[in-house]
PDB file of N, CA and C in Angstrom:
ATOM      1  N   MET A   1      79.411  85.555 144.173  1.00  0.00           N
ATOM      2  CA  MET A   1      78.233  85.826 143.724  1.00  0.00           C
ATOM      3  C   MET A   1      77.248  86.453 144.910  1.00  0.00           C
ATOM      4  N   LEU A   2      76.638  87.603 143.539  1.00  0.00           N
ATOM      5  CA  LEU A   2      76.167  88.697 144.539  1.00  0.00           C
ATOM      6  C   LEU A   2      74.760  88.174 144.663  1.00  0.00           C
ATOM      7  N   ASN A   3      74.053  88.712 145.745  1.00  0.00           N
ATOM      8  CA  ASN A   3      72.549  89.086 145.785  1.00  0.00           C
ATOM      9  C   ASN A   3      72.138  90.332 145.165  1.00  0.00           C
ATOM     10  N   SER A   4      70.888  90.250 145.023  1.00  0.00           N
ATOM     11  CA  SER A   4      70.161  91.829 145.181  1.00  0.00           C
ATOM     12  C   SER A   4      70.421  92.612 145.870  1.00  0.00           C
ATOM     13  N   ASN A   5      70.645  92.261 146.891  1.00  0.00           N
ATOM     14  CA  ASN A   5      70.913  93.361 147.977  1.00  0.00           C
ATOM     15  C   ASN A   5      72.207  94.030 147.647  1.00  0.00           C
ATOM     16  N   ASP A   6      72.739  92.901 147.345  1.00  0.00           N
ATOM     17  CA  ASP A   6      74.609  93.347 147.617  1.00  0.00           C
ATOM     18  C   ASP A   6      74.595  94.588 146.293  1.00  0.00           C
ATOM     19  N   ASN A   7      74.103  94.458 145.423  1.00  0.00           N
ATOM     20  CA  ASN A   7      73.496  95.575 144.058  1.00  0.00           C
ATOM     21  C   ASN A   7      72.420  96.593 144.381  1.00  0.00           C
ATOM     22  N   PRO A   8      72.135  97.120 144.774  1.00  0.00           N
ATOM     23  CA  PRO A   8      71.111  98.165 145.130  1.00  0.00           C
ATOM     24  C   PRO A   8      70.551  98.448 143.759  1.00  0.00           C
ATOM     25  N   LYS A   9      71.437  99.138 142.547  1.00  0.00           N
ATOM     26  CA  LYS A   9      71.450  99.300 141.889  1.00  0.00           C
ATOM     27  C   LYS A   9      72.309  99.259 140.420  1.00  0.00           C
ATOM     28  N   ILE A  10      72.051  98.933 139.426  1.00  0.00           N
ATOM     29  CA  ILE A  10      72.070  98.508 138.249  1.00  0.00           C
ATOM     30  C   ILE A  10      73.448  99.587 137.237  1.00  0.00           C
ATOM     31  N   THR A  11      74.009 100.326 137.532  1.00  0.00           N
ATOM     32  CA  THR A  11      74.726 101.503 136.983  1.00  0.00           C
ATOM     33  C   THR A  11      74.980 100.950 135.430  1.00  0.00           C
ATOM     34  N   LEU A  12      74.685 101.872 134.398  1.00  0.00           N
ATOM     35  CA  LEU A  12      75.243 101.992 133.126  1.00  0.00           C
ATOM     36  C   LEU A  12      75.773 102.316 132.749  1.00  0.00           C
ATOM     37  N   SER A  13      77.254 102.828 133.217  1.00  0.00           N
ATOM     38  CA  SER A  13      77.867 103.705 132.633  1.00  0.00           C
ATOM     39  C   SER A  13      78.207 104.768 131.539  1.00  0.00           C
ATOM     40  N   ALA A  14      77.946 103.426 131.015  1.00  0.00           N
ATOM     41  CA  ALA A  14      78.055 103.948 128.770  1.00  0.00           C
ATOM     42  C   ALA A  14      76.764 102.995 128.524  1.00  0.00           C
ATOM     43  N   PRO A  15      76.677 103.539 127.383  1.00  0.00           N
ATOM     44  CA  PRO A  15      75.401 102.762 126.290  1.00  0.00           C
ATOM     45  C   PRO A  15      76.057 101.008 126.451  1.00  0.00           C
ATOM     46  N   LEU A  16      74.943 100.233 126.167  1.00  0.00           N
ATOM     47  CA  LEU A  16      75.380  99.244 125.869  1.00  0.00           C
ATOM     48  C   LEU A  16      75.726  98.702 124.799  1.00  0.00           C
ATOM     49  N   ASN A  17      76.522  98.561 123.951  1.00  0.00           N
ATOM     50  CA  ASN A  17      76.658  98.419 122.604  1.00  0.00           C
ATOM     51  C   ASN A  17      77.112  96.566 121.879  1.00  0.00           C
ATOM     52  N   SER A  18      76.993  95.634 122.531  1.00  0.00           N
ATOM     53  CA  SER A  18      76.444  94.464 122.091  1.00  0.00           C
ATOM     54  C   SER A  18      76.572  93.390 123.874  1.00  0.00           C
ATOM     55  N   LYS A  19      75.700  92.310 123.099  1.00  0.00           N
ATOM     56  CA  LYS A  19      75.024  91.604 123.742  1.00  0.00           C
ATOM     57  C   LYS A  19      76.245  91.041 124.991  1.00  0.00           C
ATOM     58  N   GLU A  20      77.736  91.294 124.568  1.00  0.00           N
ATOM     59  CA  GLU A  20      78.535  90.689 125.240  1.00  0.00           C
ATOM     60  C   GLU A  20      79.243  91.788 126.621  1.00  0.00           C
ATOM     61  N   GLU A  21      78.684  92.998 126.181  1.00  0.00           N
ATOM     62  CA  GLU A  21      78.564  94.067 127.794  1.00  0.00           C
ATOM     63  C   GLU A  21      77.506  93.783 128.199  1.00  0.00           C
ATOM     64  N   LEU A  22      76.037  93.510 127.197  1.00  0.00           N
ATOM     65  CA  LEU A  22      75.117  93.213 128.636  1.00  0.00           C
ATOM     66  C   LEU A  22      75.061  92.346 129.427  1.00  0.00           C
ATOM     67  N   PHE A  23      75.875  90.724 129.228  1.00  0.00           N
ATOM     68  CA  PHE A  23      76.191  89.817 129.164  1.00  0.00           C
ATOM     69  C   PHE A  23      76.721  90.104 130.846  1.00  0.00           C
ATOM     70  N   ASP A  24      78.121  90.670 130.410  1.00  0.00           N
ATOM     71  CA  ASP A  24      79.019  91.246 131.602  1.00  0.00           C
ATOM     72  C   ASP A  24      78.131  92.598 132.297  1.00  0.00           C
ATOM     73  N   HIS A  25      77.498  93.118 132.312  1.00  0.00           N
ATOM     74  CA  HIS A  25      76.889  93.531 133.303  1.00  0.00           C
ATOM     75  C   HIS A  25      75.796  92.728 133.972  1.00  0.00           C
ATOM     76  N   LEU A  26      74.847  91.716 133.447  1.00  0.00           N
ATOM     77  CA  LEU A  26      74.586  90.941 134.482  1.00  0.00           C
ATOM     78  C   LEU A  26      75.038  89.853 134.971  1.00  0.00           C
ATOM     79  N   LEU A  27      75.940  89.368 134.607  1.00  0.00           N
ATOM     80  CA  LEU A  27      76.880  88.020 135.208  1.00  0.00           C
ATOM     81  C   LEU A  27      76.851  87.988 136.683  1.00  0.00           C
ATOM     82  N   PRO A  28      77.453  89.259 137.187  1.00  0.00           N
ATOM     83  CA  PRO A  28      77.389  89.128 138.796  1.00  0.00           C
ATOM     84  C   PRO A  28      76.427  89.249 139.736  1.00  0.00           C
ATOM     85  N   LEU A  29      74.979  88.922 138.728  1.00  0.00           N
ATOM     86  CA  LEU A  29      73.975  89.151 139.342  1.00  0.00           C
ATOM     87  C   LEU A  29      73.389  87.304 139.503  1.00  0.00           C
ATOM     88  N   LEU A  30      74.182  86.796 138.796  1.00  0.00           N
ATOM     89  CA  LEU A  30      73.480  84.922 137.865  1.00  0.00           C
ATOM     90  C   LEU A  30      74.511  84.562 138.864  1.00  0.00           C
ATOM     91  N   ASP A  31      74.267  82.741 139.462  1.00  0.00           N
ATOM     92  CA  ASP A  31      74.503  82.246 139.671  1.00  0.00           C
ATOM     93  C   ASP A  31      75.802  81.596 138.982  1.00  0.00           C
ATOM     94  N   GLU A  32      75.229  81.252 137.949  1.00  0.00           N
ATOM     95  CA  GLU A  32      76.453  80.193 136.971  1.00  0.00           C
ATOM     96  C   GLU A  32      75.953  81.261 135.471  1.00  0.00           C
ATOM     97  N   GLU A  33      77.410  80.951 134.758  1.00  0.00           N
ATOM     98  CA  GLU A  33      77.382  81.812 133.783  1.00  0.00           C
ATOM     99  C   GLU A  33      76.126  80.575 132.337  1.00  0.00           C
ATOM    100  N   PRO A  34      74.979  81.870 131.904  1.00  0.00           N
ATOM    101  CA  PRO A  34      74.084  80.445 130.860  1.00  0.00           C
ATOM    102  C   PRO A  34      74.650  81.214 129.901  1.00  0.00           C
ATOM    103  N   GLU A  35      73.983  80.174 128.703  1.00  0.00           N
ATOM    104  CA  GLU A  35      74.232  80.288 127.415  1.00  0.00           C
ATOM    105  C   GLU A  35      73.260  81.514 127.012  1.00  0.00           C
ATOM    106  N   PHE A  36      73.410  82.489 126.375  1.00  0.00           N
ATOM    107  CA  PHE A  36      73.307  83.572 125.552  1.00  0.00           C
ATOM    108  C   PHE A  36      71.175  83.289 125.007  1.00  0.00           C
ATOM    109  N   ASP A  37      71.031  82.890 125.080  1.00  0.00           N
ATOM    110  CA  ASP A  37      69.338  82.413 124.939  1.00  0.00           C
ATOM    111  C   ASP A  37      68.627  81.467 126.243  1.00  0.00           C
ATOM    112  N   GLU A  38      69.338  81.005 127.071  1.00  0.00           N
ATOM    113  CA  GLU A  38      68.607  80.769 128.084  1.00  0.00           C
ATOM    114  C   GLU A  38      68.157  81.986 128.963  1.00  0.00           C
ATOM    115  N   ASN A  39      67.222  81.306 129.358  1.00  0.00           N
ATOM    116  CA  ASN A  39      66.143  81.994 130.634  1.00  0.00           C
ATOM    117  C   ASN A  39      66.883  82.396 131.865  1.00  0.00           C
ATOM    118  N   LEU A  40      67.234  83.526 132.334  1.00  0.00           N
ATOM    119  CA  LEU A  40      67.998  84.110 132.984  1.00  0.00           C
ATOM    120  C   LEU A  40      67.497  83.959 134.374  1.00  0.00           C
ATOM    121  N   MET A  41      66.181  83.385 135.015  1.00  0.00           N
ATOM    122  CA  MET A  41      65.681  83.724 135.825  1.00  0.00           C
ATOM    123  C   MET A  41      66.137  82.199 136.873  1.00  0.00           C
ATOM    124  N   ASP A  42      66.699  81.099 135.567  1.00  0.00           N
ATOM    125  CA  ASP A  42      66.786  79.867 135.832  1.00  0.00           C
ATOM    126  C   ASP A  42      68.433  79.974 136.630  1.00  0.00           C
ATOM    127  N   TYR A  43      69.079  81.147 136.695  1.00  0.00           N
ATOM    128  CA  TYR A  43      70.328  81.036 136.659  1.00  0.00           C
ATOM    129  C   TYR A  43      70.424  82.059 138.073  1.00  0.00           C
ATOM    130  N   GLY A  44      69.471  82.750 138.880  1.00  0.00           N
ATOM    131  CA  GLY A  44      69.137  83.718 139.696  1.00  0.00           C
ATOM    132  C   GLY A  44      68.936  85.011 139.755  1.00  0.00           C
ATOM    133  N   LEU A  45      68.452  85.209 138.299  1.00  0.00           N
ATOM    134  CA  LEU A  45      68.231  86.725 138.239  1.00  0.00           C
ATOM    135  C   LEU A  45      67.219  86.862 138.632  1.00  0.00           C
ATOM    136  N   THR A  46      66.544  87.642 139.250  1.00  0.00           N
ATOM    137  CA  THR A  46      65.360  88.251 140.202  1.00  0.00           C
ATOM    138  C   THR A  46      64.467  89.169 139.395  1.00  0.00           C
ATOM    139  N   SER A  47      62.975  89.264 139.662  1.00  0.00           N
ATOM    140  CA  SER A  47      62.012  90.682 138.725  1.00  0.00           C
ATOM    141  C   SER A  47      62.762  91.991 139.017  1.00  0.00           C
ATOM    142  N   ILE A  48      63.647  91.712 140.806  1.00  0.00           N
ATOM    143  CA  ILE A  48      64.214  93.138 141.217  1.00  0.00           C
ATOM    144  C   ILE A  48      65.232  93.245 140.398  1.00  0.00           C
ATOM    145  N   ASP A  49      65.950  92.320 139.903  1.00  0.00           N
ATOM    146  CA  ASP A  49      66.878  92.379 139.238  1.00  0.00           C
ATOM    147  C   ASP A  49      66.555  93.414 137.716  1.00  0.00           C
ATOM    148  N   VAL A  50      65.831  92.766 137.639  1.00  0.00           N
ATOM    149  CA  VAL A  50      64.974  93.188 135.646  1.00  0.00           C
ATOM    150  C   VAL A  50      64.182  94.894 136.435  1.00  0.00           C
ATOM    151  N   MET A  51      63.954  94.698 137.094  1.00  0.00           N
ATOM    152  CA  MET A  51      63.659  96.259 137.190  1.00  0.00           C
ATOM    153  C   MET A  51      64.555  97.206 137.617  1.00  0.00           C
ATOM    154  N   LYS A  52      65.574  97.090 138.037  1.00  0.00           N
ATOM    155  CA  LYS A  52      66.771  97.590 138.311  1.00  0.00           C
ATOM    156  C   LYS A  52      67.198  98.225 136.809  1.00  0.00           C
ATOM    157  N   LEU A  53      67.229  96.669 136.180  1.00  0.00           N
ATOM    158  CA  LEU A  53      68.067  96.756 134.924  1.00  0.00           C
ATOM    159  C   LEU A  53      67.214  98.211 134.058  1.00  0.00           C
ATOM    160  N   VAL A  54      65.985  97.998 134.059  1.00  0.00           N
ATOM    161  CA  VAL A  54      64.941  98.768 133.426  1.00  0.00           C
ATOM    162  C   VAL A  54      65.086  99.976 134.017  1.00  0.00           C
ATOM    163  N   THR A  55      65.364 100.755 134.965  1.00  0.00           N
ATOM    164  CA  THR A  55      66.070 102.113 135.531  1.00  0.00           C
ATOM    165  C   THR A  55      67.262 102.164 135.005  1.00  0.00           C
ATOM    166  N   GLY A  56      68.220 101.279 135.151  1.00  0.00           N
ATOM    167  CA  GLY A  56      69.579 101.421 134.313  1.00  0.00           C
ATOM    168  C   GLY A  56      69.454 102.511 133.251  1.00  0.00           C
ATOM    169  N   LEU A  57      68.883 101.297 132.668  1.00  0.00           N
ATOM    170  CA  LEU A  57      68.729 101.806 130.791  1.00  0.00           C
ATOM    171  C   LEU A  57      67.985 102.361 130.576  1.00  0.00           C
ATOM    172  N   ARG A  58      66.786 102.954 131.234  1.00  0.00           N
ATOM    173  CA  ARG A  58      66.197 104.385 131.183  1.00  0.00           C
ATOM    174  C   ARG A  58      67.096 105.816 131.707  1.00  0.00           C
ATOM    175  N   GLU A  59      67.930 105.619 132.718  1.00  0.00           N
ATOM    176  CA  GLU A  59      68.766 106.765 132.733  1.00  0.00           C
ATOM    177  C   GLU A  59      69.883 106.805 131.718  1.00  0.00           C
ATOM    178  N   GLY A  60      69.952 105.700 131.238  1.00  0.00           N
ATOM    179  CA  GLY A  60      70.744 106.361 129.747  1.00  0.00           C
ATOM    180  C   GLY A  60      70.007 105.801 128.759  1.00  0.00           C
ATOM    181  N   GLY A  61      69.143 106.540 128.907  1.00  0.00           N
ATOM    182  CA  GLY A  61      67.927 107.017 127.417  1.00  0.00           C
ATOM    183  C   GLY A  61      67.747 105.721 126.771  1.00  0.00           C
ATOM    184  N   VAL A  62      67.433 104.340 127.222  1.00  0.00           N
ATOM    185  CA  VAL A  62      66.693 103.383 126.406  1.00  0.00           C
ATOM    186  C   VAL A  62      65.393 103.641 127.109  1.00  0.00           C
ATOM    187  N   GLU A  63      64.004 103.709 126.511  1.00  0.00           N
ATOM    188  CA  GLU A  63      62.449 103.683 127.421  1.00  0.00           C
ATOM    189  C   GLU A  63      62.766 101.848 126.506  1.00  0.00           C
ATOM    190  N   VAL A  64      62.983 101.590 127.886  1.00  0.00           N
ATOM    191  CA  VAL A  64      62.169  99.890 127.721  1.00  0.00           C
ATOM    192  C   VAL A  64      61.468  99.746 128.640  1.00  0.00           C
ATOM    193  N   LYS A  65      60.287  98.594 128.365  1.00  0.00           N
ATOM    194  CA  LYS A  65      59.277  98.165 129.448  1.00  0.00           C
ATOM    195  C   LYS A  65      59.816  96.936 130.495  1.00  0.00           C
ATOM    196  N   PHE A  66      59.444  97.232 131.759  1.00  0.00           N
ATOM    197  CA  PHE A  66      59.955  95.902 132.878  1.00  0.00           C
ATOM    198  C   PHE A  66      58.913  94.433 131.552  1.00  0.00           C
ATOM    199  N   GLU A  67      57.495  95.215 131.308  1.00  0.00           N
ATOM    200  CA  GLU A  67      56.911  93.740 130.992  1.00  0.00           C
ATOM    201  C   GLU A  67      57.510  93.142 129.878  1.00  0.00           C
ATOM    202  N   ASP A  68      58.205  93.981 128.836  1.00  0.00           N
ATOM    203  CA  ASP A  68      58.563  93.808 127.433  1.00  0.00           C
ATOM    204  C   ASP A  68      60.383  92.785 128.052  1.00  0.00           C
ATOM    205  N   LEU A  69      60.861  93.079 129.230  1.00  0.00           N
ATOM    206  CA  LEU A  69      62.152  92.776 128.947  1.00  0.00           C
ATOM    207  C   LEU A  69      61.568  91.118 130.080  1.00  0.00           C
ATOM    208  N   ALA A  70      60.814  91.008 130.930  1.00  0.00           N
ATOM    209  CA  ALA A  70      60.100  89.975 131.478  1.00  0.00           C
ATOM    210  C   ALA A  70      59.804  89.072 130.659  1.00  0.00           C
ATOM    211  N   LYS A  71      59.019  89.328 129.132  1.00  0.00           N
ATOM    212  CA  LYS A  71      58.672  88.304 128.590  1.00  0.00           C
ATOM    213  C   LYS A  71      59.740  87.390 127.692  1.00  0.00           C
ATOM    214  N   SER A  72      61.196  87.905 127.642  1.00  0.00           N
ATOM    215  CA  SER A  72      62.150  87.527 127.080  1.00  0.00           C
ATOM    216  C   SER A  72      63.576  87.597 127.793  1.00  0.00           C
ATOM    217  N   LEU A  73      63.434  86.923 129.126  1.00  0.00           N
ATOM    218  CA  LEU A  73      64.522  87.140 130.056  1.00  0.00           C
ATOM    219  C   LEU A  73      66.003  86.243 129.613  1.00  0.00           C
ATOM    220  N   SER A  74      66.399  86.480 128.783  1.00  0.00           N
ATOM    221  CA  SER A  74      67.561  85.845 127.580  1.00  0.00           C
ATOM    222  C   SER A  74      68.459  87.207 128.098  1.00  0.00           C
ATOM    223  N   ILE A  75      69.524  86.944 127.441  1.00  0.00           N
ATOM    224  CA  ILE A  75      70.506  87.663 126.683  1.00  0.00           C
ATOM    225  C   ILE A  75      70.311  88.321 125.675  1.00  0.00           C
ATOM    226  N   ASP A  76      69.606  87.232 124.769  1.00  0.00           N
ATOM    227  CA  ASP A  76      69.203  87.448 123.411  1.00  0.00           C
ATOM    228  C   ASP A  76      68.088  88.313 123.327  1.00  0.00           C
ATOM    229  N   GLY A  77      67.260  87.953 124.110  1.00  0.00           N
ATOM    230  CA  GLY A  77      65.495  88.553 124.371  1.00  0.00           C
ATOM    231  C   GLY A  77      65.844  89.687 124.888  1.00  0.00           C
ATOM    232  N   ILE A  78      66.812  90.250 125.871  1.00  0.00           N
ATOM    233  CA  ILE A  78      67.192  91.266 126.458  1.00  0.00           C
ATOM    234  C   ILE A  78      67.769  92.231 125.519  1.00  0.00           C
ATOM    235  N   TRP A  79      68.563  91.817 124.905  1.00  0.00           N
ATOM    236  CA  TRP A  79      69.112  92.888 123.704  1.00  0.00           C
ATOM    237  C   TRP A  79      68.447  92.868 123.121  1.00  0.00           C
ATOM    238  N   GLN A  80      67.201  92.257 122.384  1.00  0.00           N
ATOM    239  CA  GLN A  80      66.486  92.429 121.248  1.00  0.00           C
ATOM    240  C   GLN A  80      65.593  93.540 121.710  1.00  0.00           C
ATOM    241  N   CYS A  81      64.882  93.524 122.764  1.00  0.00           N
ATOM    242  CA  CYS A  81      64.094  94.561 123.784  1.00  0.00           C
ATOM    243  C   CYS A  81      65.304  96.077 123.783  1.00  0.00           C
ATOM    244  N   ILE A  82      66.352  96.358 123.838  1.00  0.00           N
ATOM    245  CA  ILE A  82      67.137  97.223 123.588  1.00  0.00           C
ATOM    246  C   ILE A  82      67.384  97.354 122.406  1.00  0.00           C
ATOM    247  N   PHE A  83      67.545  96.844 121.783  1.00  0.00           N
ATOM    248  CA  PHE A  83      67.666  97.030 120.780  1.00  0.00           C
ATOM    249  C   PHE A  83      66.417  97.933 119.732  1.00  0.00           C
ATOM    250  N   GLN A  84      65.467  97.118 119.991  1.00  0.00           N
ATOM    251  CA  GLN A  84      63.948  97.685 119.305  1.00  0.00           C
ATOM    252  C   GLN A  84      63.734  99.180 120.252  1.00  0.00           C
ATOM    253  N   ALA A  85      63.624  99.175 121.676  1.00  0.00           N
ATOM    254  CA  ALA A  85      63.822 100.678 122.477  1.00  0.00           C
ATOM    255  C   ALA A  85      64.246 101.740 121.056  1.00  0.00           C
ATOM    256  N   ARG A  86      65.686 101.504 121.369  1.00  0.00           N
ATOM    257  CA  ARG A  86      66.704 102.394 120.274  1.00  0.00           C
ATOM    258  C   ARG A  86      66.133 102.800 118.997  1.00  0.00           C
ATOM    259  N   GLY A  87      65.255 102.295 118.360  1.00  0.00           N
ATOM    260  CA  GLY A  87      64.411 102.502 116.785  1.00  0.00           C
ATOM    261  C   GLY A  87      65.487 102.165 115.856  1.00  0.00           C
ATOM    262  N   VAL A  88      66.522 100.912 116.073  1.00  0.00           N
ATOM    263  CA  VAL A  88      67.897 100.842 115.463  1.00  0.00           C
ATOM    264  C   VAL A  88      66.830  99.195 114.639  1.00  0.00           C
TER     265      VAL A  88
END
């Protein structure tokens, strides 16, 4: 398991095209594998990790807000924020 100090930045080298790809990016930050509708904070995701995710998404051209992600910290919720930020 990695903690937030082991992974200083979440790098998204390509646009995320599915919830599964988002899950693959976040899984190394988690203690266990959650269901897509479960709160990732219960699995070890920290607010620092969320800030890093926001930064990585913005660098990839997806303008999400920390506050929006923080309201729904599941794979489903984060994906919905990404989907809405893309205007799709």
